[in-house]
Amino acid sequence: MTFHDQLTTDEYSTLMKDELKDVASHRLNALINVEANKARVARWYVKKVKVKAFAQGDLDWELILSIGSKDS
């Protein structure tokens, strides 16, 4: 284990630049994970939502829920 006070300026600078590269790769991996999760949620949402088309004049039922009730 090397302590910071035992490093030369050039060694310290090199180590800091390497850590910045690591941070950039971690951020890129996090972005990839976020995009994958968004795609997964979108697939789930599209699977659960049923497309319905209504024309003018069609009768439909309107459901009014009281406050505090759960929609199931």
PDB file of N, CA and C in Angstrom:
ATOM      1  N   MET A   1       0.851  -1.182   0.000  1.00  0.00           N
ATOM      2  CA  MET A   1       0.000   0.000   0.000  1.00  0.00           C
ATOM      3  C   MET A   1       0.892   1.239   0.000  1.00  0.00           C
ATOM      4  N   THR A   2       0.636   2.125  -0.932  1.00  0.00           N
ATOM      5  CA  THR A   2       1.429   3.339  -1.048  1.00  0.00           C
ATOM      6  C   THR A   2       0.621   4.511  -0.514  1.00  0.00           C
ATOM      7  N   PHE A   3       1.252   5.342   0.279  1.00  0.00           N
ATOM      8  CA  PHE A   3       0.595   6.523   0.808  1.00  0.00           C
ATOM      9  C   PHE A   3       0.814   7.689  -0.134  1.00  0.00           C
ATOM     10  N   HIS A   4      -0.113   8.622  -0.111  1.00  0.00           N
ATOM     11  CA  HIS A   4      -0.038   9.757  -1.022  1.00  0.00           C
ATOM     12  C   HIS A   4       1.223  10.602  -0.812  1.00  0.00           C
ATOM     13  N   ASP A   5       1.666  10.704   0.408  1.00  0.00           N
ATOM     14  CA  ASP A   5       2.851  11.533   0.662  1.00  0.00           C
ATOM     15  C   ASP A   5       4.142  10.876   0.167  1.00  0.00           C
ATOM     16  N   GLN A   6       4.091   9.584  -0.157  1.00  0.00           N
ATOM     17  CA  GLN A   6       5.269   8.890  -0.667  1.00  0.00           C
ATOM     18  C   GLN A   6       5.315   8.885  -2.194  1.00  0.00           C
ATOM     19  N   LEU A   7       4.273   9.384  -2.845  1.00  0.00           N
ATOM     20  CA  LEU A   7       4.221   9.415  -4.303  1.00  0.00           C
ATOM     21  C   LEU A   7       4.822  10.702  -4.835  1.00  0.00           C
ATOM     22  N   THR A   8       5.417  10.589  -6.011  1.00  0.00           N
ATOM     23  CA  THR A   8       5.885  11.809  -6.675  1.00  0.00           C
ATOM     24  C   THR A   8       4.681  12.477  -7.325  1.00  0.00           C
ATOM     25  N   THR A   9       4.869  13.693  -7.749  1.00  0.00           N
ATOM     26  CA  THR A   9       3.790  14.445  -8.381  1.00  0.00           C
ATOM     27  C   THR A   9       3.315  13.750  -9.646  1.00  0.00           C
ATOM     28  N   ASP A  10       4.246  13.257 -10.439  1.00  0.00           N
ATOM     29  CA  ASP A  10       3.874  12.573 -11.686  1.00  0.00           C
ATOM     30  C   ASP A  10       3.110  11.282 -11.413  1.00  0.00           C
ATOM     31  N   GLU A  11       3.552  10.512 -10.418  1.00  0.00           N
ATOM     32  CA  GLU A  11       2.851   9.273 -10.084  1.00  0.00           C
ATOM     33  C   GLU A  11       1.427   9.558  -9.593  1.00  0.00           C
ATOM     34  N   TYR A  12       1.316  10.578  -8.763  1.00  0.00           N
ATOM     35  CA  TYR A  12       0.002  10.949  -8.239  1.00  0.00           C
ATOM     36  C   TYR A  12      -0.917  11.403  -9.371  1.00  0.00           C
ATOM     37  N   SER A  13      -0.395  12.197 -10.262  1.00  0.00           N
ATOM     38  CA  SER A  13      -1.178  12.675 -11.397  1.00  0.00           C
ATOM     39  C   SER A  13      -1.631  11.508 -12.275  1.00  0.00           C
ATOM     40  N   THR A  14      -0.749  10.576 -12.520  1.00  0.00           N
ATOM     41  CA  THR A  14      -1.084   9.398 -13.326  1.00  0.00           C
ATOM     42  C   THR A  14      -2.172   8.572 -12.660  1.00  0.00           C
ATOM     43  N   LEU A  15      -2.071   8.379 -11.357  1.00  0.00           N
ATOM     44  CA  LEU A  15      -3.091   7.621 -10.630  1.00  0.00           C
ATOM     45  C   LEU A  15      -4.458   8.308 -10.682  1.00  0.00           C
ATOM     46  N   MET A  16      -4.463   9.630 -10.542  1.00  0.00           N
ATOM     47  CA  MET A  16      -5.723  10.370 -10.594  1.00  0.00           C
ATOM     48  C   MET A  16      -6.347  10.280 -11.986  1.00  0.00           C
ATOM     49  N   LYS A  17      -5.551  10.348 -13.030  1.00  0.00           N
ATOM     50  CA  LYS A  17      -6.078  10.230 -14.399  1.00  0.00           C
ATOM     51  C   LYS A  17      -6.642   8.837 -14.643  1.00  0.00           C
ATOM     52  N   ASP A  18      -5.977   7.817 -14.107  1.00  0.00           N
ATOM     53  CA  ASP A  18      -6.486   6.451 -14.241  1.00  0.00           C
ATOM     54  C   ASP A  18      -7.834   6.299 -13.531  1.00  0.00           C
ATOM     55  N   GLU A  19      -7.957   6.923 -12.364  1.00  0.00           N
ATOM     56  CA  GLU A  19      -9.220   6.848 -11.638  1.00  0.00           C
ATOM     57  C   GLU A  19     -10.321   7.585 -12.381  1.00  0.00           C
ATOM     58  N   LEU A  20      -9.995   8.677 -13.060  1.00  0.00           N
ATOM     59  CA  LEU A  20     -10.992   9.387 -13.857  1.00  0.00           C
ATOM     60  C   LEU A  20     -11.491   8.505 -15.001  1.00  0.00           C
ATOM     61  N   LYS A  21     -10.587   7.749 -15.605  1.00  0.00           N
ATOM     62  CA  LYS A  21     -11.000   6.834 -16.668  1.00  0.00           C
ATOM     63  C   LYS A  21     -11.930   5.769 -16.109  1.00  0.00           C
ATOM     64  N   ASP A  22     -11.625   5.296 -14.907  1.00  0.00           N
ATOM     65  CA  ASP A  22     -12.486   4.302 -14.266  1.00  0.00           C
ATOM     66  C   ASP A  22     -13.870   4.879 -13.972  1.00  0.00           C
ATOM     67  N   VAL A  23     -13.915   6.120 -13.528  1.00  0.00           N
ATOM     68  CA  VAL A  23     -15.200   6.763 -13.233  1.00  0.00           C
ATOM     69  C   VAL A  23     -16.024   6.866 -14.511  1.00  0.00           C
ATOM     70  N   ALA A  24     -15.384   7.242 -15.610  1.00  0.00           N
ATOM     71  CA  ALA A  24     -16.102   7.355 -16.875  1.00  0.00           C
ATOM     72  C   ALA A  24     -16.678   6.002 -17.297  1.00  0.00           C
ATOM     73  N   SER A  25     -15.914   4.929 -17.103  1.00  0.00           N
ATOM     74  CA  SER A  25     -16.429   3.608 -17.486  1.00  0.00           C
ATOM     75  C   SER A  25     -17.568   3.180 -16.567  1.00  0.00           C
ATOM     76  N   HIS A  26     -17.503   3.528 -15.284  1.00  0.00           N
ATOM     77  CA  HIS A  26     -18.595   3.208 -14.368  1.00  0.00           C
ATOM     78  C   HIS A  26     -19.861   3.983 -14.749  1.00  0.00           C
ATOM     79  N   ARG A  27     -19.700   5.226 -15.138  1.00  0.00           N
ATOM     80  CA  ARG A  27     -20.852   6.033 -15.546  1.00  0.00           C
ATOM     81  C   ARG A  27     -21.472   5.465 -16.820  1.00  0.00           C
ATOM     82  N   LEU A  28     -20.633   5.021 -17.747  1.00  0.00           N
ATOM     83  CA  LEU A  28     -21.131   4.430 -18.975  1.00  0.00           C
ATOM     84  C   LEU A  28     -21.897   3.138 -18.681  1.00  0.00           C
ATOM     85  N   ASN A  29     -21.370   2.307 -17.791  1.00  0.00           N
ATOM     86  CA  ASN A  29     -22.068   1.082 -17.397  1.00  0.00           C
ATOM     87  C   ASN A  29     -23.406   1.395 -16.724  1.00  0.00           C
ATOM     88  N   ALA A  30     -23.435   2.430 -15.898  1.00  0.00           N
ATOM     89  CA  ALA A  30     -24.680   2.828 -15.240  1.00  0.00           C
ATOM     90  C   ALA A  30     -25.710   3.290 -16.269  1.00  0.00           C
ATOM     91  N   LEU A  31     -25.265   4.034 -17.271  1.00  0.00           N
ATOM     92  CA  LEU A  31     -26.165   4.492 -18.324  1.00  0.00           C
ATOM     93  C   LEU A  31     -26.725   3.312 -19.113  1.00  0.00           C
ATOM     94  N   ILE A  32     -25.886   2.335 -19.405  1.00  0.00           N
ATOM     95  CA  ILE A  32     -26.338   1.139 -20.116  1.00  0.00           C
ATOM     96  C   ILE A  32     -27.378   0.396 -19.287  1.00  0.00           C
ATOM     97  N   ASN A  33     -27.153   0.292 -17.976  1.00  0.00           N
ATOM     98  CA  ASN A  33     -28.116  -0.374 -17.092  1.00  0.00           C
ATOM     99  C   ASN A  33     -29.446   0.372 -17.042  1.00  0.00           C
ATOM    100  N   VAL A  34     -29.393   1.695 -17.002  1.00  0.00           N
ATOM    101  CA  VAL A  34     -30.626   2.491 -16.972  1.00  0.00           C
ATOM    102  C   VAL A  34     -31.420   2.267 -18.252  1.00  0.00           C
ATOM    103  N   GLU A  35     -30.730   2.293 -19.394  1.00  0.00           N
ATOM    104  CA  GLU A  35     -31.423   2.086 -20.664  1.00  0.00           C
ATOM    105  C   GLU A  35     -32.023   0.676 -20.748  1.00  0.00           C
ATOM    106  N   ALA A  36     -31.314  -0.318 -20.240  1.00  0.00           N
ATOM    107  CA  ALA A  36     -31.837  -1.685 -20.249  1.00  0.00           C
ATOM    108  C   ALA A  36     -33.066  -1.790 -19.355  1.00  0.00           C
ATOM    109  N   ASN A  37     -33.032  -1.149 -18.195  1.00  0.00           N
ATOM    110  CA  ASN A  37     -34.192  -1.183 -17.295  1.00  0.00           C
ATOM    111  C   ASN A  37     -35.388  -0.466 -17.900  1.00  0.00           C
ATOM    112  N   LYS A  38     -35.149   0.656 -18.587  1.00  0.00           N
ATOM    113  CA  LYS A  38     -36.240   1.362 -19.254  1.00  0.00           C
ATOM    114  C   LYS A  38     -36.880   0.488 -20.323  1.00  0.00           C
ATOM    115  N   ALA A  39     -36.051  -0.224 -21.089  1.00  0.00           N
ATOM    116  CA  ALA A  39     -36.575  -1.105 -22.127  1.00  0.00           C
ATOM    117  C   ALA A  39     -37.379  -2.243 -21.508  1.00  0.00           C
ATOM    118  N   ARG A  40     -36.894  -2.781 -20.383  1.00  0.00           N
ATOM    119  CA  ARG A  40     -37.605  -3.868 -19.704  1.00  0.00           C
ATOM    120  C   ARG A  40     -38.964  -3.392 -19.201  1.00  0.00           C
ATOM    121  N   VAL A  41     -39.007  -2.213 -18.602  1.00  0.00           N
ATOM    122  CA  VAL A  41     -40.267  -1.666 -18.100  1.00  0.00           C
ATOM    123  C   VAL A  41     -41.202  -1.372 -19.265  1.00  0.00           C
ATOM    124  N   ALA A  42     -40.675  -0.862 -20.355  1.00  0.00           N
ATOM    125  CA  ALA A  42     -41.507  -0.564 -21.520  1.00  0.00           C
ATOM    126  C   ALA A  42     -42.122  -1.845 -22.079  1.00  0.00           C
ATOM    127  N   ARG A  43     -41.343  -2.925 -22.146  1.00  0.00           N
ATOM    128  CA  ARG A  43     -41.888  -4.198 -22.632  1.00  0.00           C
ATOM    129  C   ARG A  43     -43.004  -4.689 -21.715  1.00  0.00           C
ATOM    130  N   TRP A  44     -42.821  -4.562 -20.408  1.00  0.00           N
ATOM    131  CA  TRP A  44     -43.833  -4.983 -19.452  1.00  0.00           C
ATOM    132  C   TRP A  44     -45.092  -4.133 -19.610  1.00  0.00           C
ATOM    133  N   TYR A  45     -44.920  -2.825 -19.764  1.00  0.00           N
ATOM    134  CA  TYR A  45     -46.051  -1.915 -19.878  1.00  0.00           C
ATOM    135  C   TYR A  45     -46.841  -2.205 -21.146  1.00  0.00           C
ATOM    136  N   VAL A  46     -46.158  -2.384 -22.256  1.00  0.00           N
ATOM    137  CA  VAL A  46     -46.824  -2.652 -23.524  1.00  0.00           C
ATOM    138  C   VAL A  46     -47.585  -3.974 -23.449  1.00  0.00           C
ATOM    139  N   LYS A  47     -47.034  -4.924 -22.717  1.00  0.00           N
ATOM    140  CA  LYS A  47     -47.684  -6.222 -22.581  1.00  0.00           C
ATOM    141  C   LYS A  47     -48.967  -6.106 -21.759  1.00  0.00           C
ATOM    142  N   LYS A  48     -49.005  -5.226 -20.765  1.00  0.00           N
ATOM    143  CA  LYS A  48     -50.147  -5.118 -19.870  1.00  0.00           C
ATOM    144  C   LYS A  48     -51.244  -4.186 -20.398  1.00  0.00           C
ATOM    145  N   VAL A  49     -50.910  -3.246 -21.243  1.00  0.00           N
ATOM    146  CA  VAL A  49     -51.880  -2.272 -21.729  1.00  0.00           C
ATOM    147  C   VAL A  49     -52.574  -2.836 -22.963  1.00  0.00           C
ATOM    148  N   LYS A  50     -53.891  -2.807 -22.953  1.00  0.00           N
ATOM    149  CA  LYS A  50     -54.668  -3.283 -24.090  1.00  0.00           C
ATOM    150  C   LYS A  50     -55.137  -2.074 -24.890  1.00  0.00           C
ATOM    151  N   VAL A  51     -54.890  -2.122 -26.179  1.00  0.00           N
ATOM    152  CA  VAL A  51     -55.272  -1.019 -27.046  1.00  0.00           C
ATOM    153  C   VAL A  51     -56.759  -1.130 -27.336  1.00  0.00           C
ATOM    154  N   LYS A  52     -57.447  -0.026 -27.153  1.00  0.00           N
ATOM    155  CA  LYS A  52     -58.875   0.018 -27.432  1.00  0.00           C
ATOM    156  C   LYS A  52     -59.139   1.218 -28.316  1.00  0.00           C
ATOM    157  N   ALA A  53     -59.948   1.022 -29.305  1.00  0.00           N
ATOM    158  CA  ALA A  53     -60.307   2.113 -30.208  1.00  0.00           C
ATOM    159  C   ALA A  53     -61.790   2.423 -30.023  1.00  0.00           C
ATOM    160  N   PHE A  54     -62.105   3.686 -29.848  1.00  0.00           N
ATOM    161  CA  PHE A  54     -63.472   4.121 -29.693  1.00  0.00           C
ATOM    162  C   PHE A  54     -63.802   5.085 -30.826  1.00  0.00           C
ATOM    163  N   ALA A  55     -64.984   4.922 -31.351  1.00  0.00           N
ATOM    164  CA  ALA A  55     -65.462   5.850 -32.376  1.00  0.00           C
ATOM    165  C   ALA A  55     -66.513   6.752 -31.735  1.00  0.00           C
ATOM    166  N   GLN A  56     -66.764   7.879 -32.376  1.00  0.00           N
ATOM    167  CA  GLN A  56     -67.754   8.798 -31.841  1.00  0.00           C
ATOM    168  C   GLN A  56     -69.117   8.122 -31.880  1.00  0.00           C
ATOM    169  N   GLY A  57     -69.822   8.191 -30.789  1.00  0.00           N
ATOM    170  CA  GLY A  57     -71.130   7.563 -30.699  1.00  0.00           C
ATOM    171  C   GLY A  57     -71.097   6.226 -29.979  1.00  0.00           C
ATOM    172  N   ASP A  58     -69.924   5.625 -29.792  1.00  0.00           N
ATOM    173  CA  ASP A  58     -69.824   4.373 -29.050  1.00  0.00           C
ATOM    174  C   ASP A  58     -70.152   4.625 -27.581  1.00  0.00           C
ATOM    175  N   LEU A  59     -70.806   3.662 -26.983  1.00  0.00           N
ATOM    176  CA  LEU A  59     -71.108   3.759 -25.561  1.00  0.00           C
ATOM    177  C   LEU A  59     -70.002   3.066 -24.783  1.00  0.00           C
ATOM    178  N   ASP A  60     -69.590   3.675 -23.709  1.00  0.00           N
ATOM    179  CA  ASP A  60     -68.601   3.034 -22.852  1.00  0.00           C
ATOM    180  C   ASP A  60     -68.975   3.298 -21.395  1.00  0.00           C
ATOM    181  N   TRP A  61     -68.472   2.460 -20.533  1.00  0.00           N
ATOM    182  CA  TRP A  61     -68.740   2.583 -19.117  1.00  0.00           C
ATOM    183  C   TRP A  61     -67.678   3.458 -18.482  1.00  0.00           C
ATOM    184  N   GLU A  62     -68.105   4.297 -17.578  1.00  0.00           N
ATOM    185  CA  GLU A  62     -67.172   5.153 -16.853  1.00  0.00           C
ATOM    186  C   GLU A  62     -67.173   4.687 -15.402  1.00  0.00           C
ATOM    187  N   LEU A  63     -65.993   4.412 -14.892  1.00  0.00           N
ATOM    188  CA  LEU A  63     -65.851   3.937 -13.530  1.00  0.00           C
ATOM    189  C   LEU A  63     -65.297   5.070 -12.685  1.00  0.00           C
ATOM    190  N   ILE A  64     -66.001   5.402 -11.641  1.00  0.00           N
ATOM    191  CA  ILE A  64     -65.541   6.442 -10.730  1.00  0.00           C
ATOM    192  C   ILE A  64     -65.212   5.766  -9.414  1.00  0.00           C
ATOM    193  N   LEU A  65     -63.955   5.872  -9.006  1.00  0.00           N
ATOM    194  CA  LEU A  65     -63.505   5.242  -7.759  1.00  0.00           C
ATOM    195  C   LEU A  65     -63.558   6.268  -6.635  1.00  0.00           C
ATOM    196  N   SER A  66     -63.973   5.793  -5.469  1.00  0.00           N
ATOM    197  CA  SER A  66     -63.949   6.679  -4.319  1.00  0.00           C
ATOM    198  C   SER A  66     -62.505   6.859  -3.848  1.00  0.00           C
ATOM    199  N   ILE A  67     -62.241   7.898  -3.131  1.00  0.00           N
ATOM    200  CA  ILE A  67     -60.893   8.187  -2.659  1.00  0.00           C
ATOM    201  C   ILE A  67     -60.473   7.096  -1.680  1.00  0.00           C
ATOM    202  N   GLY A  68     -59.267   6.588  -1.861  1.00  0.00           N
ATOM    203  CA  GLY A  68     -58.733   5.574  -0.969  1.00  0.00           C
ATOM    204  C   GLY A  68     -58.989   4.155  -1.411  1.00  0.00           C
ATOM    205  N   SER A  69     -59.743   3.971  -2.480  1.00  0.00           N
ATOM    206  CA  SER A  69     -59.964   2.594  -2.953  1.00  0.00           C
ATOM    207  C   SER A  69     -58.853   2.194  -3.903  1.00  0.00           C
ATOM    208  N   LYS A  70     -58.657   0.895  -4.022  1.00  0.00           N
ATOM    209  CA  LYS A  70     -57.607   0.384  -4.877  1.00  0.00           C
ATOM    210  C   LYS A  70     -58.205  -0.038  -6.209  1.00  0.00           C
ATOM    211  N   ASP A  71     -57.476   0.269  -7.293  1.00  0.00           N
ATOM    212  CA  ASP A  71     -57.887  -0.155  -8.632  1.00  0.00           C
ATOM    213  C   ASP A  71     -57.244  -1.502  -8.905  1.00  0.00           C
ATOM    214  N   SER A  72     -58.049  -2.539  -9.165  1.00  0.00           N
ATOM    215  CA  SER A  72     -57.460  -3.856  -9.409  1.00  0.00           C
ATOM    216  C   SER A  72     -57.862  -4.435 -10.721  1.00  0.00           C
TER     217      SER A  72
END
